[in-house]
Amino acid sequence: MFPDAENFIPERFDKSNLGPKPLEPRDFLFGVGRRVCPGQFVVDASLFLLMANIIATMDIRKPRDDNGNEFEPEIKRSGYPIK
């Protein structure tokens, strides 16, 4: 896992020299500081429960045609680009 794993080198665990942390969308999705969304934890819990209920109660599979064969649905694109 580490080069020279047998030697005691405590500097390898020092994270102060890594530089700035890369921005994650989750870090600023609900705002930061004084302007942070007060409902962010409610949204997180609600989305988790929603997805858990969908997975537990729904039968998710590919669509079938009139003969009962599975097929890949055609993805239709609109004229609006999404970044």
Protein backbone atom coordinates (compact mmCIF):
# COMPACT_ATOMS: atom_id res chain seq x y z
CA MET A 1 0.00 0.00 0.00
CA PHE A 2 2.78 2.44 0.91
CA PRO A 3 6.31 2.40 -0.40
CA ASP A 4 8.64 1.51 2.50
CA ALA A 5 5.73 0.19 4.55
CA GLU A 6 8.11 -1.37 7.07
CA ASN A 7 9.71 1.99 7.97
CA PHE A 8 8.25 4.54 10.39
CA ILE A 9 7.56 7.65 8.30
CA PRO A 10 4.82 9.71 10.01
CA GLU A 11 5.00 12.44 7.33
CA ARG A 12 3.14 10.19 4.92
CA PHE A 13 -0.06 10.82 6.93
CA ASP A 14 0.37 14.62 7.04
CA LYS A 15 -2.42 16.08 4.93
CA SER A 16 -1.45 19.73 5.41
CA ASN A 17 0.71 19.76 2.27
CA LEU A 18 -1.98 18.50 -0.11
CA GLY A 19 -3.08 21.99 -1.14
CA PRO A 20 -6.65 23.16 -1.57
CA LYS A 21 -9.38 20.57 -1.58
CA PRO A 22 -11.03 20.17 -5.00
CA LEU A 23 -14.56 21.53 -5.16
CA GLU A 24 -17.30 18.96 -4.87
CA PRO A 25 -20.80 19.90 -6.10
CA ARG A 26 -22.29 18.49 -2.90
CA ASP A 27 -20.26 21.00 -0.88
CA PHE A 28 -21.93 24.06 -2.40
CA LEU A 29 -25.27 22.67 -3.59
CA PHE A 30 -27.16 24.01 -0.57
CA GLY A 31 -25.04 27.13 -0.07
CA VAL A 32 -22.38 27.84 2.52
CA GLY A 33 -21.95 29.86 5.67
CA ARG A 34 -24.79 32.09 6.83
CA ARG A 35 -26.74 31.49 3.64
CA VAL A 36 -26.86 27.70 3.89
CA CYS A 37 -30.22 26.08 3.21
CA PRO A 38 -31.84 25.09 6.52
CA GLY A 39 -33.69 22.22 4.85
CA GLN A 40 -30.70 20.41 3.38
CA PHE A 41 -30.85 17.53 5.86
CA VAL A 42 -34.59 17.13 5.32
CA VAL A 43 -33.99 16.92 1.56
CA ASP A 44 -31.18 14.38 2.01
CA ALA A 45 -33.35 12.17 4.22
CA SER A 46 -36.38 12.54 1.94
CA LEU A 47 -34.44 11.60 -1.19
CA PHE A 48 -32.88 8.63 0.57
CA LEU A 49 -36.30 7.38 1.69
CA LEU A 50 -37.78 7.99 -1.76
CA MET A 51 -35.06 5.99 -3.53
CA ALA A 52 -35.17 3.21 -0.91
CA ASN A 53 -38.95 2.90 -1.33
CA ILE A 54 -38.71 2.87 -5.12
CA ILE A 55 -36.07 0.14 -5.05
CA ALA A 56 -37.97 -1.90 -2.44
CA THR A 57 -41.45 -1.68 -3.94
CA MET A 58 -41.07 -1.28 -7.70
CA ASP A 59 -40.12 -3.87 -10.28
CA ILE A 60 -37.47 -2.04 -12.29
CA ARG A 61 -36.52 -3.62 -15.60
CA LYS A 62 -36.25 -2.90 -19.31
CA PRO A 63 -39.46 -2.23 -21.23
CA ARG A 64 -41.05 -4.98 -23.32
CA ASP A 65 -42.58 -4.78 -26.78
CA ASP A 66 -45.92 -6.31 -27.84
CA ASN A 67 -44.29 -9.76 -28.19
CA GLY A 68 -42.81 -9.68 -24.69
CA ASN A 69 -39.21 -9.11 -25.81
CA GLU A 70 -37.03 -6.66 -23.90
CA PHE A 71 -35.68 -3.71 -25.88
CA GLU A 72 -33.56 -0.62 -25.36
CA PRO A 73 -35.70 2.51 -25.52
CA GLU A 74 -34.67 5.10 -28.09
CA ILE A 75 -33.22 8.19 -26.49
CA LYS A 76 -34.66 11.28 -28.14
CA ARG A 77 -32.64 14.43 -27.80
CA SER A 78 -34.07 17.91 -27.79
CA GLY A 79 -32.38 20.96 -29.25
CA TYR A 80 -31.14 22.13 -25.86
CA PRO A 81 -27.58 21.19 -24.90
CA ILE A 82 -26.97 20.11 -21.33
CA LYS A 83 -23.60 20.68 -19.72
